C-alpha atoms as a PDB file:
ATOM      1  CA  MET A   1      34.108 261.116-101.043  1.00  0.00           C
ATOM      2  CA  SER A   2      30.524 260.890 -99.869  1.00  0.00           C
ATOM      3  CA  ILE A   3      27.064 262.223-100.764  1.00  0.00           C
ATOM      4  CA  LEU A   4      24.560 263.624 -98.246  1.00  0.00           C
ATOM      5  CA  ILE A   5      20.820 263.981 -98.873  1.00  0.00           C
ATOM      6  CA  LEU A   6      19.060 266.153 -96.308  1.00  0.00           C
ATOM      7  CA  GLY A   7      15.377 265.301 -96.497  1.00  0.00           C
ATOM      8  CA  GLY A   8      16.345 261.853 -97.741  1.00  0.00           C
ATOM      9  CA  GLY A   9      13.197 260.248 -96.359  1.00  0.00           C
ATOM     10  CA  GLY A  10      10.886 262.303 -98.549  1.00  0.00           C
ATOM     11  CA  MET A  11       9.566 261.379-101.964  1.00  0.00           C
ATOM     12  CA  VAL A  12      12.153 263.252-104.046  1.00  0.00           C
ATOM     13  CA  GLY A  13      14.975 262.308-101.670  1.00  0.00           C
ATOM     14  CA  GLN A  14      14.080 258.629-101.977  1.00  0.00           C
ATOM     15  CA  LYS A  15      13.894 258.796-105.760  1.00  0.00           C
ATOM     16  CA  LEU A  16      17.243 260.594-105.868  1.00  0.00           C
ATOM     17  CA  ALA A  17      18.845 257.956-103.636  1.00  0.00           C
ATOM     18  CA  HIS A  18      17.522 255.169-105.866  1.00  0.00           C
ATOM     19  CA  SER A  19      18.865 256.996-108.920  1.00  0.00           C
ATOM     20  CA  LEU A  20      22.305 257.358-107.330  1.00  0.00           C
ATOM     21  CA  ALA A  21      22.329 253.668-106.414  1.00  0.00           C
ATOM     22  CA  ASP A  22      21.311 252.618-109.923  1.00  0.00           C
ATOM     23  CA  HIS A  23      23.376 255.020-111.996  1.00  0.00           C
ATOM     24  CA  GLY A  24      25.990 256.585-109.720  1.00  0.00           C
ATOM     25  CA  LEU A  25      27.049 260.213-110.076  1.00  0.00           C
ATOM     26  CA  THR A  26      29.614 261.427-112.585  1.00  0.00           C
ATOM     27  CA  GLY A  27      32.857 262.198-110.791  1.00  0.00           C
ATOM     28  CA  HIS A  28      31.655 260.472-107.620  1.00  0.00           C
ATOM     29  CA  GLU A  29      31.326 256.871-108.764  1.00  0.00           C
ATOM     30  CA  GLY A  30      30.999 254.500-105.818  1.00  0.00           C
ATOM     31  CA  ALA A  31      30.606 257.301-103.280  1.00  0.00           C
ATOM     32  CA  PRO A  32      28.576 256.218-100.227  1.00  0.00           C
ATOM     33  CA  VAL A  33      25.233 257.964 -99.763  1.00  0.00           C
ATOM     34  CA  THR A  34      23.887 259.173 -96.406  1.00  0.00           C
ATOM     35  CA  LEU A  35      20.216 260.044 -96.021  1.00  0.00           C
ATOM     36  CA  PHE A  36      19.188 262.327 -93.162  1.00  0.00           C
ATOM     37  CA  ASP A  37      15.561 262.887 -92.143  1.00  0.00           C
ATOM     38  CA  ILE A  38      13.119 262.640 -89.250  1.00  0.00           C
ATOM     39  CA  GLY A  39      11.773 259.381 -90.693  1.00  0.00           C
ATOM     40  CA  PHE A  40      12.058 256.941 -93.575  1.00  0.00           C
ATOM     41  CA  PRO A  41       9.754 254.582 -95.495  1.00  0.00           C
ATOM     42  CA  GLU A  42       9.769 250.958 -94.329  1.00  0.00           C
ATOM     43  CA  THR A  43      11.197 249.859 -97.665  1.00  0.00           C
ATOM     44  CA  GLY A  44      13.545 252.768 -98.138  1.00  0.00           C
ATOM     45  CA  ALA A  45      16.160 253.606-100.722  1.00  0.00           C
ATOM     46  CA  PRO A  46      19.697 252.236-100.315  1.00  0.00           C
ATOM     47  CA  GLY A  47      22.196 254.203 -98.263  1.00  0.00           C
ATOM     48  CA  GLN A  48      23.015 254.928 -94.646  1.00  0.00           C
ATOM     49  CA  GLN A  49      19.962 256.305 -92.857  1.00  0.00           C
ATOM     50  CA  ILE A  50      20.363 258.814 -90.037  1.00  0.00           C
ATOM     51  CA  ARG A  51      17.275 259.973 -88.171  1.00  0.00           C
ATOM     52  CA  GLY A  52      17.247 263.507 -86.875  1.00  0.00           C
ATOM     53  CA  SER A  53      15.998 267.032 -87.413  1.00  0.00           C
ATOM     54  CA  VAL A  54      17.674 269.836 -89.322  1.00  0.00           C
ATOM     55  CA  THR A  55      16.657 272.061 -86.394  1.00  0.00           C
ATOM     56  CA  ASP A  56      19.199 270.224 -84.185  1.00  0.00           C
ATOM     57  CA  PRO A  57      22.462 272.247 -84.336  1.00  0.00           C
ATOM     58  CA  LEU A  58      24.526 269.322 -83.040  1.00  0.00           C
ATOM     59  CA  ALA A  59      23.214 267.064 -85.800  1.00  0.00           C
ATOM     60  CA  MET A  60      24.102 269.692 -88.414  1.00  0.00           C
ATOM     61  CA  ARG A  61      27.629 270.020 -87.050  1.00  0.00           C
ATOM     62  CA  ARG A  62      28.080 266.237 -87.057  1.00  0.00           C
ATOM     63  CA  LEU A  63      26.949 265.953 -90.664  1.00  0.00           C
ATOM     64  CA  ALA A  64      29.291 268.774 -91.676  1.00  0.00           C
ATOM     65  CA  ALA A  65      32.183 267.163 -89.772  1.00  0.00           C
ATOM     66  CA  ALA A  66      31.892 264.115 -92.054  1.00  0.00           C
ATOM     67  CA  ARG A  67      32.787 266.493 -94.929  1.00  0.00           C
ATOM     68  CA  PRO A  68      30.488 265.164 -97.655  1.00  0.00           C
ATOM     69  CA  GLU A  69      31.627 266.179-101.118  1.00  0.00           C
ATOM     70  CA  VAL A  70      28.089 266.640-102.462  1.00  0.00           C
ATOM     71  CA  ILE A  71      25.151 267.881-100.398  1.00  0.00           C
ATOM     72  CA  PHE A  72      21.564 267.806-101.629  1.00  0.00           C
ATOM     73  CA  HIS A  73      19.423 269.997 -99.357  1.00  0.00           C
ATOM     74  CA  LEU A  74      15.786 268.982 -99.800  1.00  0.00           C
ATOM     75  CA  ALA A  75      14.652 269.290 -96.179  1.00  0.00           C
ATOM     76  CA  SER A  76      11.904 271.753 -95.279  1.00  0.00           C
ATOM     77  CA  ILE A  77       8.382 272.021 -94.006  1.00  0.00           C
ATOM     78  CA  VAL A  78       5.960 272.678 -96.827  1.00  0.00           C
ATOM     79  CA  SER A  79       4.150 275.853 -97.832  1.00  0.00           C
ATOM     80  CA  GLY A  80       0.840 275.387 -96.045  1.00  0.00           C
ATOM     81  CA  GLU A  81       2.492 274.352 -92.788  1.00  0.00           C
ATOM     82  CA  ALA A  82       5.023 277.196 -92.963  1.00  0.00           C
ATOM     83  CA  GLU A  83       2.171 279.669 -93.404  1.00  0.00           C
ATOM     84  CA  ALA A  84       0.142 278.183 -90.540  1.00  0.00           C
ATOM     85  CA  ASP A  85       3.052 277.918 -88.061  1.00  0.00           C
ATOM     86  CA  PHE A  86       5.181 281.054 -88.474  1.00  0.00           C
ATOM     87  CA  GLU A  87       7.812 280.184 -85.860  1.00  0.00           C
ATOM     88  CA  LEU A  88       8.266 276.585 -86.983  1.00  0.00           C
ATOM     89  CA  GLY A  89       8.578 277.668 -90.607  1.00  0.00           C
ATOM     90  CA  TRP A  90      11.438 280.071 -89.952  1.00  0.00           C
ATOM     91  CA  LEU A  91      13.180 277.680 -87.570  1.00  0.00           C
ATOM     92  CA  THR A  92      13.010 274.695 -89.931  1.00  0.00           C
ATOM     93  CA  ASN A  93      13.358 276.345 -93.307  1.00  0.00           C
ATOM     94  CA  MET A  94      15.779 279.207 -92.638  1.00  0.00           C
ATOM     95  CA  GLN A  95      17.544 279.159 -89.260  1.00  0.00           C
ATOM     96  CA  SER A  96      18.627 275.529 -89.682  1.00  0.00           C
ATOM     97  CA  PHE A  97      20.032 276.407 -93.115  1.00  0.00           C
ATOM     98  CA  TRP A  98      22.258 279.077 -91.562  1.00  0.00           C
ATOM     99  CA  THR A  99      23.421 276.599 -88.898  1.00  0.00           C
ATOM    100  CA  LEU A 100      24.458 274.064 -91.540  1.00  0.00           C
ATOM    101  CA  LEU A 101      26.259 276.630 -93.690  1.00  0.00           C
ATOM    102  CA  GLU A 102      28.141 277.899 -90.636  1.00  0.00           C
ATOM    103  CA  ALA A 103      29.178 274.336 -89.774  1.00  0.00           C
ATOM    104  CA  LEU A 104      30.406 273.811 -93.343  1.00  0.00           C
ATOM    105  CA  ARG A 105      32.292 277.114 -93.205  1.00  0.00           C
ATOM    106  CA  ALA A 106      34.029 275.926 -90.029  1.00  0.00           C
ATOM    107  CA  GLU A 107      35.109 272.731 -91.800  1.00  0.00           C
ATOM    108  CA  HIS A 108      36.387 274.785 -94.739  1.00  0.00           C
ATOM    109  CA  LEU A 109      38.490 276.957 -92.457  1.00  0.00           C
ATOM    110  CA  THR A 110      39.782 273.980 -90.461  1.00  0.00           C
ATOM    111  CA  SER A 111      40.873 272.309 -93.712  1.00  0.00           C
ATOM    112  CA  SER A 112      42.843 275.424 -94.707  1.00  0.00           C
ATOM    113  CA  GLY A 113      40.398 275.949 -97.540  1.00  0.00           C
ATOM    114  CA  ASN A 114      40.720 272.451 -99.024  1.00  0.00           C
ATOM    115  CA  TYR A 115      37.150 271.407 -98.198  1.00  0.00           C
ATOM    116  CA  ARG A 116      34.512 273.095-100.379  1.00  0.00           C
ATOM    117  CA  PRO A 117      31.487 270.872-101.022  1.00  0.00           C
ATOM    118  CA  ARG A 118      29.039 271.105-103.908  1.00  0.00           C
ATOM    119  CA  PHE A 119      25.769 272.235-102.293  1.00  0.00           C
ATOM    120  CA  VAL A 120      22.504 271.829-104.229  1.00  0.00           C
ATOM    121  CA  PHE A 121      19.542 273.557-102.597  1.00  0.00           C
ATOM    122  CA  THR A 122      15.951 272.929-103.661  1.00  0.00           C
ATOM    123  CA  SER A 123      14.398 276.368-103.644  1.00  0.00           C
ATOM    124  CA  SER A 124      10.928 277.166-104.984  1.00  0.00           C
ATOM    125  CA  ILE A 125       9.038 279.359-107.422  1.00  0.00           C
ATOM    126  CA  ALA A 126       7.398 280.696-104.237  1.00  0.00           C
ATOM    127  CA  VAL A 127      10.323 283.169-104.029  1.00  0.00           C
ATOM    128  CA  PHE A 128       8.370 285.265-106.560  1.00  0.00           C
ATOM    129  CA  GLY A 129       5.389 287.489-105.894  1.00  0.00           C
ATOM    130  CA  GLY A 130       2.926 289.323-108.102  1.00  0.00           C
ATOM    131  CA  PRO A 131       1.984 291.192-110.082  1.00  0.00           C
ATOM    132  CA  TYR A 132       3.416 288.846-112.696  1.00  0.00           C
ATOM    133  CA  PRO A 133       4.166 289.237-116.386  1.00  0.00           C
ATOM    134  CA  ASP A 134       2.695 286.652-118.762  1.00  0.00           C
ATOM    135  CA  LYS A 135       5.943 284.703-118.424  1.00  0.00           C
ATOM    136  CA  ILE A 136       8.462 285.179-115.631  1.00  0.00           C
ATOM    137  CA  GLY A 137      11.928 285.608-117.105  1.00  0.00           C
ATOM    138  CA  ASP A 138      15.340 285.304-115.530  1.00  0.00           C
ATOM    139  CA  GLU A 139      15.453 289.007-114.633  1.00  0.00           C
ATOM    140  CA  PHE A 140      12.179 289.094-112.676  1.00  0.00           C
ATOM    141  CA  LEU A 141      12.432 290.343-109.077  1.00  0.00           C
ATOM    142  CA  SER A 142      12.284 287.846-106.233  1.00  0.00           C
ATOM    143  CA  ALA A 143       9.637 289.324-103.912  1.00  0.00           C
ATOM    144  CA  PRO A 144       7.789 286.499-102.098  1.00  0.00           C
ATOM    145  CA  LEU A 145       4.284 286.916-100.702  1.00  0.00           C
ATOM    146  CA  THR A 146       4.318 283.940 -98.308  1.00  0.00           C
ATOM    147  CA  SER A 147       6.455 282.971 -95.326  1.00  0.00           C
ATOM    148  CA  TYR A 148       7.589 279.835 -97.166  1.00  0.00           C
ATOM    149  CA  GLY A 149       8.698 281.894-100.150  1.00  0.00           C
ATOM    150  CA  ALA A 150      10.518 284.368 -97.914  1.00  0.00           C
ATOM    151  CA  GLN A 151      12.373 281.549 -96.179  1.00  0.00           C
ATOM    152  CA  LYS A 152      13.464 280.040 -99.482  1.00  0.00           C
ATOM    153  CA  ALA A 153      14.572 283.449-100.787  1.00  0.00           C
ATOM    154  CA  CYS A 154      16.687 284.030 -97.666  1.00  0.00           C
ATOM    155  CA  ASN A 155      18.401 280.689 -98.192  1.00  0.00           C
ATOM    156  CA  GLU A 156      19.162 281.517-101.814  1.00  0.00           C
ATOM    157  CA  LEU A 157      20.915 284.704-100.717  1.00  0.00           C
ATOM    158  CA  MET A 158      22.847 282.941 -97.972  1.00  0.00           C
ATOM    159  CA  LEU A 159      24.022 280.179-100.288  1.00  0.00           C
ATOM    160  CA  THR A 160      25.132 282.680-102.913  1.00  0.00           C
ATOM    161  CA  ASP A 161      27.131 284.645-100.345  1.00  0.00           C
ATOM    162  CA  PHE A 162      28.778 281.589 -98.778  1.00  0.00           C
ATOM    163  CA  SER A 163      29.683 280.482-102.307  1.00  0.00           C
ATOM    164  CA  ARG A 164      31.053 283.915-103.193  1.00  0.00           C
ATOM    165  CA  LYS A 165      33.343 283.688-100.168  1.00  0.00           C
ATOM    166  CA  GLY A 166      34.489 280.218-101.251  1.00  0.00           C
ATOM    167  CA  TYR A 167      33.147 278.221 -98.285  1.00  0.00           C
ATOM    168  CA  VAL A 168      30.836 276.068-100.435  1.00  0.00           C
ATOM    169  CA  ASP A 169      30.127 275.687-104.147  1.00  0.00           C
ATOM    170  CA  GLY A 170      26.383 276.175-104.191  1.00  0.00           C
ATOM    171  CA  ILE A 171      23.434 276.371-106.552  1.00  0.00           C
ATOM    172  CA  SER A 172      19.748 277.008-105.776  1.00  0.00           C
ATOM    173  CA  ILE A 173      17.292 275.395-108.158  1.00  0.00           C
ATOM    174  CA  ARG A 174      13.765 276.787-108.026  1.00  0.00           C
ATOM    175  CA  LEU A 175      11.551 273.777-108.471  1.00  0.00           C
ATOM    176  CA  PRO A 176       8.162 273.913-110.137  1.00  0.00           C
ATOM    177  CA  THR A 177       5.368 272.187-108.225  1.00  0.00           C
ATOM    178  CA  ILE A 178       6.322 268.509-108.443  1.00  0.00           C
ATOM    179  CA  CYS A 179       3.421 266.577-109.892  1.00  0.00           C
ATOM    180  CA  VAL A 180       2.156 263.870-109.865  1.00  0.00           C
ATOM    181  CA  ARG A 181       3.465 262.996-106.404  1.00  0.00           C
ATOM    182  CA  PRO A 182       2.900 259.379-105.310  1.00  0.00           C
ATOM    183  CA  GLY A 183       1.547 258.459-101.888  1.00  0.00           C
ATOM    184  CA  LYS A 184      -0.689 260.480 -99.618  1.00  0.00           C
ATOM    185  CA  ALA A 185      -1.234 264.240 -99.757  1.00  0.00           C
ATOM    186  CA  ASN A 186       1.016 266.370 -97.550  1.00  0.00           C
ATOM    187  CA  LYS A 187       0.327 269.767 -95.967  1.00  0.00           C
ATOM    188  CA  ALA A 188       1.535 271.752 -98.973  1.00  0.00           C
ATOM    189  CA  ALA A 189      -1.078 274.140-100.329  1.00  0.00           C
ATOM    190  CA  SER A 190      -0.163 272.773-103.757  1.00  0.00           C
ATOM    191  CA  SER A 191      -0.919 269.140-102.886  1.00  0.00           C
ATOM    192  CA  PHE A 192      -4.262 269.185-104.713  1.00  0.00           C
ATOM    193  CA  PHE A 193      -2.458 269.553-108.064  1.00  0.00           C
ATOM    194  CA  SER A 194      -1.249 265.978-107.598  1.00  0.00           C
ATOM    195  CA  GLY A 195      -4.345 264.812-105.766  1.00  0.00           C
ATOM    196  CA  ILE A 196      -6.766 265.525-108.600  1.00  0.00           C
ATOM    197  CA  ILE A 197      -4.698 263.217-110.820  1.00  0.00           C
ATOM    198  CA  ARG A 198      -3.385 260.606-108.372  1.00  0.00           C
ATOM    199  CA  GLU A 199      -6.562 259.855-106.446  1.00  0.00           C
ATOM    200  CA  PRO A 200      -8.843 259.304-109.473  1.00  0.00           C
ATOM    201  CA  LEU A 201      -6.222 257.082-111.128  1.00  0.00           C
ATOM    202  CA  ASN A 202      -6.306 254.990-107.944  1.00  0.00           C
ATOM    203  CA  GLY A 203     -10.119 254.865-107.896  1.00  0.00           C
ATOM    204  CA  LEU A 204     -10.492 257.446-105.124  1.00  0.00           C
ATOM    205  CA  GLU A 205     -12.387 260.726-104.887  1.00  0.00           C
ATOM    206  CA  ALA A 206     -10.297 263.905-105.143  1.00  0.00           C
ATOM    207  CA  ILE A 207     -11.119 267.370-103.803  1.00  0.00           C
ATOM    208  CA  LEU A 208     -10.461 270.427-105.971  1.00  0.00           C
ATOM    209  CA  PRO A 209     -10.230 273.492-103.678  1.00  0.00           C
ATOM    210  CA  VAL A 210      -9.645 276.143-106.383  1.00  0.00           C
ATOM    211  CA  PRO A 211     -11.364 277.185-109.648  1.00  0.00           C
ATOM    212  CA  ASP A 212     -10.292 275.182-112.692  1.00  0.00           C
ATOM    213  CA  THR A 213      -9.066 278.431-114.271  1.00  0.00           C
ATOM    214  CA  VAL A 214      -6.045 278.469-111.920  1.00  0.00           C
ATOM    215  CA  ARG A 215      -2.812 278.218-113.921  1.00  0.00           C
ATOM    216  CA  HIS A 216       0.388 276.803-112.453  1.00  0.00           C
ATOM    217  CA  TRP A 217       3.912 275.552-113.253  1.00  0.00           C
ATOM    218  CA  HIS A 218       4.655 271.806-112.988  1.00  0.00           C
ATOM    219  CA  ALA A 219       7.365 269.191-113.467  1.00  0.00           C
ATOM    220  CA  SER A 220       7.445 265.482-112.710  1.00  0.00           C
ATOM    221  CA  PRO A 221       9.384 263.753-109.905  1.00  0.00           C
ATOM    222  CA  ARG A 222      11.535 262.225-112.657  1.00  0.00           C
ATOM    223  CA  SER A 223      12.470 265.718-113.841  1.00  0.00           C
ATOM    224  CA  ALA A 224      13.177 266.827-110.264  1.00  0.00           C
ATOM    225  CA  VAL A 225      15.748 264.052-109.895  1.00  0.00           C
ATOM    226  CA  GLY A 226      17.240 265.053-113.234  1.00  0.00           C
ATOM    227  CA  PHE A 227      17.513 268.673-112.099  1.00  0.00           C
ATOM    228  CA  LEU A 228      19.320 267.628-108.917  1.00  0.00           C
ATOM    229  CA  ARG A 229      21.730 265.308-110.664  1.00  0.00           C
ATOM    230  CA  HIS A 230      22.622 267.885-113.303  1.00  0.00           C
ATOM    231  CA  ALA A 231      23.082 270.658-110.721  1.00  0.00           C
ATOM    232  CA  SER A 232      25.466 268.468-108.715  1.00  0.00           C
ATOM    233  CA  THR A 233      27.912 267.890-111.582  1.00  0.00           C
ATOM    234  CA  MET A 234      27.660 270.908-113.920  1.00  0.00           C
ATOM    235  CA  ASP A 235      30.278 273.632-114.148  1.00  0.00           C
ATOM    236  CA  LEU A 236      28.894 276.297-111.801  1.00  0.00           C
ATOM    237  CA  GLY A 237      31.295 278.833-113.275  1.00  0.00           C
ATOM    238  CA  ARG A 238      28.726 279.122-116.074  1.00  0.00           C
ATOM    239  CA  LEU A 239      26.344 280.756-113.572  1.00  0.00           C
ATOM    240  CA  HIS A 240      28.621 283.817-113.241  1.00  0.00           C
ATOM    241  CA  ASP A 241      27.722 284.142-109.532  1.00  0.00           C
ATOM    242  CA  ARG A 242      23.973 284.221-110.249  1.00  0.00           C
ATOM    243  CA  ARG A 243      23.526 280.991-108.378  1.00  0.00           C
ATOM    244  CA  ALA A 244      19.719 280.753-108.227  1.00  0.00           C
ATOM    245  CA  LEU A 245      17.714 279.832-111.288  1.00  0.00           C
ATOM    246  CA  SER A 246      14.207 278.696-112.168  1.00  0.00           C
ATOM    247  CA  MET A 247      13.821 275.196-113.543  1.00  0.00           C
ATOM    248  CA  PRO A 248      11.909 274.336-116.731  1.00  0.00           C
ATOM    249  CA  GLY A 249       8.375 273.014-116.488  1.00  0.00           C
ATOM    250  CA  VAL A 250       4.874 272.909-117.939  1.00  0.00           C
ATOM    251  CA  SER A 251       2.398 275.768-117.518  1.00  0.00           C
ATOM    252  CA  CYS A 252      -1.250 274.717-117.605  1.00  0.00           C
ATOM    253  CA  THR A 253      -4.607 275.413-116.005  1.00  0.00           C
ATOM    254  CA  VAL A 254      -6.371 272.982-113.712  1.00  0.00           C
ATOM    255  CA  ALA A 255      -8.913 272.511-116.507  1.00  0.00           C
ATOM    256  CA  GLU A 256      -6.080 271.514-118.850  1.00  0.00           C
ATOM    257  CA  GLN A 257      -4.772 269.067-116.242  1.00  0.00           C
ATOM    258  CA  ILE A 258      -8.217 267.483-116.028  1.00  0.00           C
ATOM    259  CA  GLU A 259      -8.584 267.291-119.809  1.00  0.00           C
ATOM    260  CA  ALA A 260      -5.192 265.568-120.052  1.00  0.00           C
ATOM    261  CA  LEU A 261      -6.402 263.081-117.440  1.00  0.00           C
ATOM    262  CA  ARG A 262      -9.645 262.562-119.390  1.00  0.00           C
ATOM    263  CA  ALA A 263      -7.730 261.872-122.603  1.00  0.00           C
ATOM    264  CA  ILE A 264      -5.559 259.271-120.886  1.00  0.00           C
ATOM    265  CA  ALA A 265      -7.962 257.627-118.413  1.00  0.00           C
ATOM    266  CA  GLY A 266     -11.513 258.507-119.501  1.00  0.00           C
ATOM    267  CA  ASN A 267     -14.608 260.216-118.119  1.00  0.00           C
ATOM    268  CA  ASN A 268     -15.214 257.736-115.297  1.00  0.00           C
ATOM    269  CA  VAL A 269     -11.872 258.610-113.734  1.00  0.00           C
ATOM    270  CA  VAL A 270     -12.424 262.369-114.131  1.00  0.00           C
ATOM    271  CA  SER A 271     -15.867 262.046-112.490  1.00  0.00           C
ATOM    272  CA  LEU A 272     -14.106 261.278-109.194  1.00  0.00           C
ATOM    273  CA  ILE A 273     -12.932 264.922-108.944  1.00  0.00           C
ATOM    274  CA  ARG A 274     -15.237 267.000-106.724  1.00  0.00           C
ATOM    275  CA  SER A 275     -15.099 270.793-106.404  1.00  0.00           C
ATOM    276  CA  GLU A 276     -14.984 272.024-102.798  1.00  0.00           C
ATOM    277  CA  PRO A 277     -13.683 275.633-102.566  1.00  0.00           C
ATOM    278  CA  ASP A 278     -11.168 276.392 -99.809  1.00  0.00           C
ATOM    279  CA  GLU A 279     -10.558 280.115 -99.280  1.00  0.00           C
ATOM    280  CA  THR A 280      -7.233 279.592 -97.496  1.00  0.00           C
ATOM    281  CA  VAL A 281      -5.772 277.479-100.298  1.00  0.00           C
ATOM    282  CA  GLN A 282      -7.183 279.844-102.924  1.00  0.00           C
ATOM    283  CA  ARG A 283      -5.562 282.835-101.230  1.00  0.00           C
ATOM    284  CA  ILE A 284      -2.140 281.145-101.110  1.00  0.00           C
ATOM    285  CA  VAL A 285      -2.319 279.845-104.681  1.00  0.00           C
ATOM    286  CA  GLN A 286      -3.402 283.231-106.056  1.00  0.00           C
ATOM    287  CA  GLY A 287      -0.023 284.622-105.012  1.00  0.00           C
ATOM    288  CA  TRP A 288       1.981 282.022-106.927  1.00  0.00           C
ATOM    289  CA  PRO A 289       3.616 282.325-110.376  1.00  0.00           C
ATOM    290  CA  ARG A 290       1.845 280.785-113.347  1.00  0.00           C
ATOM    291  CA  ASP A 291       4.327 280.563-116.205  1.00  0.00           C
ATOM    292  CA  PHE A 292       8.065 280.900-116.802  1.00  0.00           C
ATOM    293  CA  ASP A 293      10.524 281.506-119.570  1.00  0.00           C
ATOM    294  CA  ALA A 294      13.241 279.218-118.207  1.00  0.00           C
ATOM    295  CA  ALA A 295      15.657 280.012-121.042  1.00  0.00           C
ATOM    296  CA  ARG A 296      18.705 280.278-118.811  1.00  0.00           C
ATOM    297  CA  ALA A 297      18.153 276.879-117.184  1.00  0.00           C
ATOM    298  CA  ARG A 298      17.471 275.198-120.522  1.00  0.00           C
ATOM    299  CA  LYS A 299      20.640 276.706-121.994  1.00  0.00           C
ATOM    300  CA  LEU A 300      22.557 275.284-119.032  1.00  0.00           C
ATOM    301  CA  GLY A 301      21.258 271.786-119.776  1.00  0.00           C
ATOM    302  CA  PHE A 302      18.203 271.418-117.532  1.00  0.00           C
ATOM    303  CA  ALA A 303      15.154 269.773-119.141  1.00  0.00           C
ATOM    304  CA  ALA A 304      11.557 268.900-118.218  1.00  0.00           C
ATOM    305  CA  GLU A 305       8.348 267.631-119.824  1.00  0.00           C
ATOM    306  CA  SER A 306       6.710 269.261-122.842  1.00  0.00           C
ATOM    307  CA  ASP A 307       3.061 268.915-121.726  1.00  0.00           C
ATOM    308  CA  PHE A 308       0.972 267.763-118.773  1.00  0.00           C
ATOM    309  CA  ALA A 309      -0.068 264.522-120.439  1.00  0.00           C
ATOM    310  CA  GLU A 310       3.608 263.515-120.348  1.00  0.00           C
ATOM    311  CA  ILE A 311       3.657 264.195-116.603  1.00  0.00           C
ATOM    312  CA  ILE A 312       0.654 261.895-116.125  1.00  0.00           C
ATOM    313  CA  ARG A 313       2.273 259.155-118.219  1.00  0.00           C
ATOM    314  CA  ILE A 314       5.425 259.350-116.068  1.00  0.00           C
ATOM    315  CA  TYR A 315       3.283 258.815-112.960  1.00  0.00           C
ATOM    316  CA  LEU A 316       1.673 255.781-114.601  1.00  0.00           C
ATOM    317  CA  GLU A 317       5.090 254.363-115.489  1.00  0.00           C
ATOM    318  CA  ASP A 318       6.933 255.138-112.257  1.00  0.00           C
ATOM    319  CA  ASP A 319       4.480 255.251-109.382  1.00  0.00           C
ATOM    320  CA  LEU A 320       0.928 253.997-109.950  1.00  0.00           C
ATOM    321  CA  HIS A 321       0.039 251.346-107.331  1.00  0.00           C
ATOM    322  CA  ARG A 322       3.349 251.908-105.525  1.00  0.00           C
ATOM    323  CA  GLY A 323       1.971 253.798-102.555  1.00  0.00           C
END
């Protein structure tokens, strides 16, 4: 048995790999972990590292040929980049996903149906589009308004169909915006949600490109790892073939984020946040969901923070001064 993390060089992939090394995975104790990505941190998480791109069909076929028992698919280009580079977004986020599923289907058929890996895909709340109800429930229509959201929605449908046919045993978990992310900002339109907390806590100025009335849905990196671990071992029969679900999180405005920061770190830290409107970011963020009723996920055992102050405290415990 083995475990594969696609996107294993990224922040969540690294945290997941550390978690697997420290605590193992129920039913897969001692299983070797392979991390696949275009690059890795200098002091990376334990496991075999393979450098490559998900857009390389040969690399996808080679990974599938190793027949990992559990696959965590975290690899993608982020929302802002997918919107700016239409062709690259579809190639990286959707076409490569089809290539991998086809390679896994080939292994299933070659094994006479004996190989059927657990496949955990990190989807996004970007699969939804407005107008929104006050809280998005489990029956709300997936109708994305960005290229990134459309690519994620396509993958959800593909994974459900490949699972229905028995080629893989898949689940798509729609992640909230993961906050507070350690390290430097990436090209995601949502990166400022972390930046306005992370940078001031590290004594740096942070740019706020949207009004502080913007409301959004968040969960910590610690919760993201918990979501992935739970999705990889739970009984997927409980999904009744509805294999995509929205994860729990915290809904709050930017103003509420800032007030939570003020309560924890004080006015001097908050004073490092500077408003600088960005129409492009505002336009993307306006199309995103703001609040969820994640009753189905909670009933299935997924859990997240209860308020944004808890998210900040997790950053202080896990990641402050670590890059």
